[in-house]
Amino acid sequence: RAPLWGSVDLRDGNQALLEPMDVARKRVMFDL
């Protein structure tokens, strides 16, 4: 069975970006 999933795209992933996401891009990612 699958494990419980935890996404860290908006924190760990975001802090590693050359240009961190603004609120609009974060909201798109959250909704995805």
PDB file of all heavy atoms in Angstrom:
ATOM      1  N   ARG A   1       0.836  -1.189   0.000  1.00  0.00           N
ATOM      2  CA  ARG A   1       0.000   0.000   0.000  1.00  0.00           C
ATOM      3  C   ARG A   1       0.878   1.247   0.000  1.00  0.00           C
ATOM      4  O   ARG A   1       2.063   1.198   0.338  1.00  0.00           O
ATOM      5  CB  ARG A   1      -0.934   0.016   1.217  1.00  0.00           C
ATOM      6  CG  ARG A   1      -0.222   0.070   2.554  1.00  0.00           C
ATOM      7  CD  ARG A   1      -1.223   0.099   3.701  1.00  0.00           C
ATOM      8  NE  ARG A   1      -0.543   0.155   4.993  1.00  0.00           N
ATOM      9  CZ  ARG A   1      -1.180   0.238   6.154  1.00  0.00           C
ATOM     10  NH1 ARG A   1      -2.500   0.266   6.183  1.00  0.00           N
ATOM     11  NH2 ARG A   1      -0.503   0.298   7.284  1.00  0.00           N
ATOM     12  N   ALA A   2       0.270   2.344  -0.396  1.00  0.00           N
ATOM     13  CA  ALA A   2       1.000   3.608  -0.454  1.00  0.00           C
ATOM     14  C   ALA A   2       1.218   4.160   0.946  1.00  0.00           C
ATOM     15  O   ALA A   2       0.384   3.963   1.836  1.00  0.00           O
ATOM     16  CB  ALA A   2       0.227   4.618  -1.297  1.00  0.00           C
ATOM     17  N   PRO A   3       2.322   4.869   1.160  1.00  0.00           N
ATOM     18  CA  PRO A   3       2.496   5.560   2.439  1.00  0.00           C
ATOM     19  C   PRO A   3       1.598   6.789   2.488  1.00  0.00           C
ATOM     20  O   PRO A   3       0.973   7.171   1.495  1.00  0.00           O
ATOM     21  CB  PRO A   3       3.968   5.958   2.407  1.00  0.00           C
ATOM     22  CG  PRO A   3       4.238   6.189   0.948  1.00  0.00           C
ATOM     23  CD  PRO A   3       3.427   5.148   0.219  1.00  0.00           C
ATOM     24  N   LEU A   4       1.545   7.432   3.621  1.00  0.00           N
ATOM     25  CA  LEU A   4       0.952   8.762   3.695  1.00  0.00           C
ATOM     26  C   LEU A   4       1.901   9.714   2.972  1.00  0.00           C
ATOM     27  O   LEU A   4       3.117   9.608   3.106  1.00  0.00           O
ATOM     28  CB  LEU A   4       0.774   9.195   5.154  1.00  0.00           C
ATOM     29  CG  LEU A   4      -0.087   8.277   6.039  1.00  0.00           C
ATOM     30  CD1 LEU A   4      -0.020   8.724   7.492  1.00  0.00           C
ATOM     31  CD2 LEU A   4      -1.518   8.235   5.544  1.00  0.00           C
ATOM     32  N   TRP A   5       1.334  10.627   2.195  1.00  0.00           N
ATOM     33  CA  TRP A   5       2.158  11.540   1.417  1.00  0.00           C
ATOM     34  C   TRP A   5       2.177  12.927   2.051  1.00  0.00           C
ATOM     35  O   TRP A   5       1.137  13.437   2.477  1.00  0.00           O
ATOM     36  CB  TRP A   5       1.624  11.692  -0.009  1.00  0.00           C
ATOM     37  CG  TRP A   5       1.531  10.436  -0.808  1.00  0.00           C
ATOM     38  CD1 TRP A   5       0.403   9.818  -1.230  1.00  0.00           C
ATOM     39  CD2 TRP A   5       2.616   9.641  -1.306  1.00  0.00           C
ATOM     40  NE1 TRP A   5       0.695   8.686  -1.967  1.00  0.00           N
ATOM     41  CE2 TRP A   5       2.054   8.554  -2.030  1.00  0.00           C
ATOM     42  CE3 TRP A   5       3.999   9.747  -1.215  1.00  0.00           C
ATOM     43  CZ2 TRP A   5       2.830   7.582  -2.650  1.00  0.00           C
ATOM     44  CZ3 TRP A   5       4.775   8.775  -1.835  1.00  0.00           C
ATOM     45  CH2 TRP A   5       4.192   7.718  -2.536  1.00  0.00           C
ATOM     46  N   GLY A   6       3.346  13.536   2.067  1.00  0.00           N
ATOM     47  CA  GLY A   6       3.481  14.920   2.508  1.00  0.00           C
ATOM     48  C   GLY A   6       4.250  15.714   1.477  1.00  0.00           C
ATOM     49  O   GLY A   6       5.415  15.415   1.199  1.00  0.00           O
ATOM     50  N   SER A   7       3.622  16.718   0.883  1.00  0.00           N
ATOM     51  CA  SER A   7       4.305  17.563  -0.100  1.00  0.00           C
ATOM     52  C   SER A   7       5.012  18.705   0.612  1.00  0.00           C
ATOM     53  O   SER A   7       4.429  19.393   1.456  1.00  0.00           O
ATOM     54  CB  SER A   7       3.301  18.144  -1.098  1.00  0.00           C
ATOM     55  OG  SER A   7       3.855  19.276  -1.760  1.00  0.00           O
ATOM     56  N   VAL A   8       6.284  18.921   0.231  1.00  0.00           N
ATOM     57  CA  VAL A   8       7.032  20.067   0.753  1.00  0.00           C
ATOM     58  C   VAL A   8       7.451  20.992  -0.391  1.00  0.00           C
ATOM     59  O   VAL A   8       8.426  21.746  -0.278  1.00  0.00           O
ATOM     60  CB  VAL A   8       8.262  19.607   1.575  1.00  0.00           C
ATOM     61  CG1 VAL A   8       7.819  18.884   2.829  1.00  0.00           C
ATOM     62  CG2 VAL A   8       9.191  18.720   0.748  1.00  0.00           C
ATOM     63  N   ASP A   9       6.694  20.960  -1.490  1.00  0.00           N
ATOM     64  CA  ASP A   9       7.003  21.809  -2.646  1.00  0.00           C
ATOM     65  C   ASP A   9       6.996  23.285  -2.298  1.00  0.00           C
ATOM     66  O   ASP A   9       7.799  24.062  -2.830  1.00  0.00           O
ATOM     67  CB  ASP A   9       5.988  21.552  -3.760  1.00  0.00           C
ATOM     68  CG  ASP A   9       6.152  20.186  -4.401  1.00  0.00           C
ATOM     69  OD1 ASP A   9       5.561  19.220  -3.886  1.00  0.00           O
ATOM     70  OD2 ASP A   9       6.874  20.080  -5.393  1.00  0.00           O
ATOM     71  N   LEU A  10       6.082  23.691  -1.430  1.00  0.00           N
ATOM     72  CA  LEU A  10       5.915  25.112  -1.136  1.00  0.00           C
ATOM     73  C   LEU A  10       6.871  25.614  -0.054  1.00  0.00           C
ATOM     74  O   LEU A  10       6.913  26.812   0.217  1.00  0.00           O
ATOM     75  CB  LEU A  10       4.467  25.377  -0.709  1.00  0.00           C
ATOM     76  CG  LEU A  10       3.449  25.250  -1.844  1.00  0.00           C
ATOM     77  CD1 LEU A  10       2.042  25.125  -1.299  1.00  0.00           C
ATOM     78  CD2 LEU A  10       3.564  26.440  -2.779  1.00  0.00           C
ATOM     79  N   ARG A  11       7.653  24.726   0.535  1.00  0.00           N
ATOM     80  CA  ARG A  11       8.647  25.147   1.521  1.00  0.00           C
ATOM     81  C   ARG A  11      10.036  24.694   1.101  1.00  0.00           C
ATOM     82  O   ARG A  11      10.844  25.484   0.608  1.00  0.00           O
ATOM     83  CB  ARG A  11       8.279  24.607   2.905  1.00  0.00           C
ATOM     84  CG  ARG A  11       9.001  25.334   4.041  1.00  0.00           C
ATOM     85  CD  ARG A  11      10.403  24.837   4.297  1.00  0.00           C
ATOM     86  NE  ARG A  11      10.439  23.409   4.552  1.00  0.00           N
ATOM     87  CZ  ARG A  11      11.560  22.697   4.614  1.00  0.00           C
ATOM     88  NH1 ARG A  11      12.733  23.280   4.407  1.00  0.00           N
ATOM     89  NH2 ARG A  11      11.533  21.395   4.844  1.00  0.00           N
ATOM     90  N   ASP A  12      10.341  23.420   1.226  1.00  0.00           N
ATOM     91  CA  ASP A  12      11.665  22.922   0.876  1.00  0.00           C
ATOM     92  C   ASP A  12      11.943  23.140  -0.612  1.00  0.00           C
ATOM     93  O   ASP A  12      13.014  23.598  -1.001  1.00  0.00           O
ATOM     94  CB  ASP A  12      11.754  21.427   1.210  1.00  0.00           C
ATOM     95  CG  ASP A  12      13.191  20.961   1.360  1.00  0.00           C
ATOM     96  OD1 ASP A  12      14.086  21.589   0.782  1.00  0.00           O
ATOM     97  OD2 ASP A  12      13.411  19.951   2.044  1.00  0.00           O
ATOM     98  N   GLY A  13      10.963  22.808  -1.452  1.00  0.00           N
ATOM     99  CA  GLY A  13      11.139  23.022  -2.881  1.00  0.00           C
ATOM    100  C   GLY A  13      11.266  24.487  -3.237  1.00  0.00           C
ATOM    101  O   GLY A  13      12.121  24.880  -4.042  1.00  0.00           O
ATOM    102  N   ASN A  14      10.451  25.323  -2.625  1.00  0.00           N
ATOM    103  CA  ASN A  14      10.443  26.750  -2.951  1.00  0.00           C
ATOM    104  C   ASN A  14      11.735  27.437  -2.544  1.00  0.00           C
ATOM    105  O   ASN A  14      12.260  28.290  -3.267  1.00  0.00           O
ATOM    106  CB  ASN A  14       9.250  27.422  -2.268  1.00  0.00           C
ATOM    107  CG  ASN A  14       9.115  28.877  -2.657  1.00  0.00           C
ATOM    108  OD1 ASN A  14       9.013  29.214  -3.827  1.00  0.00           O
ATOM    109  ND2 ASN A  14       9.124  29.753  -1.663  1.00  0.00           N
ATOM    110  N   GLN A  15      12.282  27.065  -1.381  1.00  0.00           N
ATOM    111  CA  GLN A  15      13.490  27.747  -0.908  1.00  0.00           C
ATOM    112  C   GLN A  15      14.709  27.395  -1.762  1.00  0.00           C
ATOM    113  O   GLN A  15      15.734  28.081  -1.701  1.00  0.00           O
ATOM    114  CB  GLN A  15      13.758  27.389   0.548  1.00  0.00           C
ATOM    115  CG  GLN A  15      14.310  25.987   0.770  1.00  0.00           C
ATOM    116  CD  GLN A  15      14.483  25.666   2.246  1.00  0.00           C
ATOM    117  OE1 GLN A  15      13.698  26.090   3.093  1.00  0.00           O
ATOM    118  NE2 GLN A  15      15.513  24.906   2.567  1.00  0.00           N
ATOM    119  N   ALA A  16      14.596  26.335  -2.582  1.00  0.00           N
ATOM    120  CA  ALA A  16      15.710  25.929  -3.434  1.00  0.00           C
ATOM    121  C   ALA A  16      15.646  26.542  -4.825  1.00  0.00           C
ATOM    122  O   ALA A  16      16.514  26.264  -5.654  1.00  0.00           O
ATOM    123  CB  ALA A  16      15.732  24.400  -3.552  1.00  0.00           C
ATOM    124  N   LEU A  17      14.631  27.361  -5.093  1.00  0.00           N
ATOM    125  CA  LEU A  17      14.480  27.949  -6.419  1.00  0.00           C
ATOM    126  C   LEU A  17      15.340  29.200  -6.570  1.00  0.00           C
ATOM    127  O   LEU A  17      15.511  29.973  -5.616  1.00  0.00           O
ATOM    128  CB  LEU A  17      13.014  28.319  -6.671  1.00  0.00           C
ATOM    129  CG  LEU A  17      12.013  27.158  -6.682  1.00  0.00           C
ATOM    130  CD1 LEU A  17      10.600  27.704  -6.867  1.00  0.00           C
ATOM    131  CD2 LEU A  17      12.350  26.161  -7.773  1.00  0.00           C
ATOM    132  N   LEU A  18      15.851  29.399  -7.775  1.00  0.00           N
ATOM    133  CA  LEU A  18      16.608  30.617  -8.057  1.00  0.00           C
ATOM    134  C   LEU A  18      15.717  31.834  -7.847  1.00  0.00           C
ATOM    135  O   LEU A  18      16.137  32.857  -7.305  1.00  0.00           O
ATOM    136  CB  LEU A  18      17.134  30.582  -9.497  1.00  0.00           C
ATOM    137  CG  LEU A  18      17.998  31.754  -9.937  1.00  0.00           C
ATOM    138  CD1 LEU A  18      19.279  31.812  -9.111  1.00  0.00           C
ATOM    139  CD2 LEU A  18      18.330  31.649 -11.428  1.00  0.00           C
ATOM    140  N   GLU A  19      14.456  31.719  -8.270  1.00  0.00           N
ATOM    141  CA  GLU A  19      13.467  32.769  -8.060  1.00  0.00           C
ATOM    142  C   GLU A  19      12.283  32.171  -7.310  1.00  0.00           C
ATOM    143  O   GLU A  19      11.412  31.564  -7.913  1.00  0.00           O
ATOM    144  CB  GLU A  19      12.995  33.342  -9.393  1.00  0.00           C
ATOM    145  CG  GLU A  19      11.969  34.451  -9.252  1.00  0.00           C
ATOM    146  CD  GLU A  19      11.404  34.898 -10.590  1.00  0.00           C
ATOM    147  OE1 GLU A  19      12.002  34.590 -11.633  1.00  0.00           O
ATOM    148  OE2 GLU A  19      10.338  35.547 -10.566  1.00  0.00           O
ATOM    149  N   PRO A  20      12.262  32.277  -5.974  1.00  0.00           N
ATOM    150  CA  PRO A  20      11.170  31.685  -5.204  1.00  0.00           C
ATOM    151  C   PRO A  20       9.808  32.170  -5.697  1.00  0.00           C
ATOM    152  O   PRO A  20       9.667  33.270  -6.244  1.00  0.00           O
ATOM    153  CB  PRO A  20      11.446  32.161  -3.773  1.00  0.00           C
ATOM    154  CG  PRO A  20      12.931  32.393  -3.748  1.00  0.00           C
ATOM    155  CD  PRO A  20      13.268  32.922  -5.108  1.00  0.00           C
ATOM    156  N   MET A  21       8.813  31.330  -5.509  1.00  0.00           N
ATOM    157  CA  MET A  21       7.467  31.635  -5.996  1.00  0.00           C
ATOM    158  C   MET A  21       6.869  32.823  -5.259  1.00  0.00           C
ATOM    159  O   MET A  21       7.060  32.976  -4.052  1.00  0.00           O
ATOM    160  CB  MET A  21       6.562  30.415  -5.812  1.00  0.00           C
ATOM    161  CG  MET A  21       6.855  29.256  -6.728  1.00  0.00           C
ATOM    162  SD  MET A  21       5.752  27.840  -6.437  1.00  0.00           S
ATOM    163  CE  MET A  21       6.714  26.899  -5.252  1.00  0.00           C
ATOM    164  N   ASP A  22       6.118  33.645  -5.998  1.00  0.00           N
ATOM    165  CA  ASP A  22       5.314  34.678  -5.365  1.00  0.00           C
ATOM    166  C   ASP A  22       3.993  34.053  -4.931  1.00  0.00           C
ATOM    167  O   ASP A  22       3.748  32.861  -5.126  1.00  0.00           O
ATOM    168  CB  ASP A  22       5.095  35.866  -6.299  1.00  0.00           C
ATOM    169  CG  ASP A  22       4.467  35.462  -7.629  1.00  0.00           C
ATOM    170  OD1 ASP A  22       3.885  34.359  -7.723  1.00  0.00           O
ATOM    171  OD2 ASP A  22       4.561  36.255  -8.592  1.00  0.00           O
ATOM    172  N   VAL A  23       3.111  34.854  -4.343  1.00  0.00           N
ATOM    173  CA  VAL A  23       1.852  34.320  -3.814  1.00  0.00           C
ATOM    174  C   VAL A  23       1.019  33.688  -4.917  1.00  0.00           C
ATOM    175  O   VAL A  23       0.416  32.622  -4.725  1.00  0.00           O
ATOM    176  CB  VAL A  23       1.059  35.428  -3.097  1.00  0.00           C
ATOM    177  CG1 VAL A  23      -0.351  34.944  -2.758  1.00  0.00           C
ATOM    178  CG2 VAL A  23       1.778  35.859  -1.819  1.00  0.00           C
ATOM    179  N   ALA A  24       0.994  34.311  -6.100  1.00  0.00           N
ATOM    180  CA  ALA A  24       0.174  33.782  -7.192  1.00  0.00           C
ATOM    181  C   ALA A  24       0.653  32.400  -7.624  1.00  0.00           C
ATOM    182  O   ALA A  24      -0.150  31.475  -7.799  1.00  0.00           O
ATOM    183  CB  ALA A  24       0.195  34.747  -8.375  1.00  0.00           C
ATOM    184  N   ARG A  25       1.971  32.243  -7.796  1.00  0.00           N
ATOM    185  CA  ARG A  25       2.495  30.941  -8.200  1.00  0.00           C
ATOM    186  C   ARG A  25       2.338  29.914  -7.091  1.00  0.00           C
ATOM    187  O   ARG A  25       2.053  28.740  -7.346  1.00  0.00           O
ATOM    188  CB  ARG A  25       3.968  31.074  -8.607  1.00  0.00           C
ATOM    189  CG  ARG A  25       4.151  31.663  -9.995  1.00  0.00           C
ATOM    190  CD  ARG A  25       5.530  32.251 -10.186  1.00  0.00           C
ATOM    191  NE  ARG A  25       6.613  31.318  -9.963  1.00  0.00           N
ATOM    192  CZ  ARG A  25       7.879  31.687  -9.722  1.00  0.00           C
ATOM    193  NH1 ARG A  25       8.186  32.976  -9.657  1.00  0.00           N
ATOM    194  NH2 ARG A  25       8.817  30.787  -9.546  1.00  0.00           N
ATOM    195  N   LYS A  26       2.505  30.344  -5.849  1.00  0.00           N
ATOM    196  CA  LYS A  26       2.289  29.424  -4.726  1.00  0.00           C
ATOM    197  C   LYS A  26       0.848  28.920  -4.696  1.00  0.00           C
ATOM    198  O   LYS A  26       0.596  27.736  -4.423  1.00  0.00           O
ATOM    199  CB  LYS A  26       2.610  30.118  -3.401  1.00  0.00           C
ATOM    200  CG  LYS A  26       4.087  30.280  -3.110  1.00  0.00           C
ATOM    201  CD  LYS A  26       4.275  30.922  -1.750  1.00  0.00           C
ATOM    202  CE  LYS A  26       5.751  31.080  -1.413  1.00  0.00           C
ATOM    203  NZ  LYS A  26       5.937  31.729  -0.094  1.00  0.00           N
ATOM    204  N   ARG A  27      -0.075  29.813  -4.997  1.00  0.00           N
ATOM    205  CA  ARG A  27      -1.481  29.405  -4.962  1.00  0.00           C
ATOM    206  C   ARG A  27      -1.773  28.384  -6.074  1.00  0.00           C
ATOM    207  O   ARG A  27      -2.510  27.420  -5.866  1.00  0.00           O
ATOM    208  CB  ARG A  27      -2.383  30.629  -5.111  1.00  0.00           C
ATOM    209  CG  ARG A  27      -3.868  30.289  -5.064  1.00  0.00           C
ATOM    210  CD  ARG A  27      -4.218  29.534  -3.766  1.00  0.00           C
ATOM    211  NE  ARG A  27      -5.540  28.957  -3.827  1.00  0.00           N
ATOM    212  CZ  ARG A  27      -6.651  29.594  -3.427  1.00  0.00           C
ATOM    213  NH1 ARG A  27      -6.577  30.832  -2.953  1.00  0.00           N
ATOM    214  NH2 ARG A  27      -7.818  29.000  -3.498  1.00  0.00           N
ATOM    215  N   VAL A  28      -1.183  28.604  -7.244  1.00  0.00           N
ATOM    216  CA  VAL A  28      -1.353  27.634  -8.334  1.00  0.00           C
ATOM    217  C   VAL A  28      -0.795  26.272  -7.922  1.00  0.00           C
ATOM    218  O   VAL A  28      -1.420  25.231  -8.158  1.00  0.00           O
ATOM    219  CB  VAL A  28      -0.666  28.145  -9.615  1.00  0.00           C
ATOM    220  CG1 VAL A  28      -0.638  27.042 -10.680  1.00  0.00           C
ATOM    221  CG2 VAL A  28      -1.382  29.378 -10.150  1.00  0.00           C
ATOM    222  N   MET A  29       0.378  26.283  -7.294  1.00  0.00           N
ATOM    223  CA  MET A  29       0.987  25.027  -6.848  1.00  0.00           C
ATOM    224  C   MET A  29       0.132  24.368  -5.771  1.00  0.00           C
ATOM    225  O   MET A  29      -0.084  23.143  -5.794  1.00  0.00           O
ATOM    226  CB  MET A  29       2.397  25.289  -6.319  1.00  0.00           C
ATOM    227  CG  MET A  29       3.102  24.061  -5.765  1.00  0.00           C
ATOM    228  SD  MET A  29       3.544  22.849  -7.029  1.00  0.00           S
ATOM    229  CE  MET A  29       5.080  23.566  -7.634  1.00  0.00           C
ATOM    230  N   PHE A  30      -0.360  25.140  -4.832  1.00  0.00           N
ATOM    231  CA  PHE A  30      -1.201  24.580  -3.764  1.00  0.00           C
ATOM    232  C   PHE A  30      -2.447  23.932  -4.351  1.00  0.00           C
ATOM    233  O   PHE A  30      -2.808  22.806  -3.975  1.00  0.00           O
ATOM    234  CB  PHE A  30      -1.585  25.688  -2.772  1.00  0.00           C
ATOM    235  CG  PHE A  30      -2.483  25.211  -1.657  1.00  0.00           C
ATOM    236  CD1 PHE A  30      -1.953  24.565  -0.553  1.00  0.00           C
ATOM    237  CD2 PHE A  30      -3.857  25.413  -1.709  1.00  0.00           C
ATOM    238  CE1 PHE A  30      -2.781  24.120   0.478  1.00  0.00           C
ATOM    239  CE2 PHE A  30      -4.686  24.974  -0.694  1.00  0.00           C
ATOM    240  CZ  PHE A  30      -4.150  24.331   0.407  1.00  0.00           C
ATOM    241  N   ASP A  31      -3.100  24.622  -5.271  1.00  0.00           N
ATOM    242  CA  ASP A  31      -4.314  24.072  -5.877  1.00  0.00           C
ATOM    243  C   ASP A  31      -4.014  22.799  -6.667  1.00  0.00           C
ATOM    244  O   ASP A  31      -4.819  21.866  -6.704  1.00  0.00           O
ATOM    245  CB  ASP A  31      -4.976  25.112  -6.779  1.00  0.00           C
ATOM    246  CG  ASP A  31      -5.578  26.273  -5.993  1.00  0.00           C
ATOM    247  OD1 ASP A  31      -5.774  26.119  -4.766  1.00  0.00           O
ATOM    248  OD2 ASP A  31      -5.833  27.333  -6.600  1.00  0.00           O
ATOM    249  N   LEU A  32      -2.852  22.761  -7.320  1.00  0.00           N
ATOM    250  CA  LEU A  32      -2.464  21.547  -8.037  1.00  0.00           C
ATOM    251  C   LEU A  32      -2.305  20.385  -7.064  1.00  0.00           C
ATOM    252  O   LEU A  32      -2.804  19.266  -7.312  1.00  0.00           O
ATOM    253  CB  LEU A  32      -1.151  21.777  -8.794  1.00  0.00           C
ATOM    254  CG  LEU A  32      -0.536  20.528  -9.447  1.00  0.00           C
ATOM    255  CD1 LEU A  32      -1.395  20.037 -10.595  1.00  0.00           C
ATOM    256  CD2 LEU A  32       0.887  20.800  -9.915  1.00  0.00           C
TER     257      LEU A  32
END
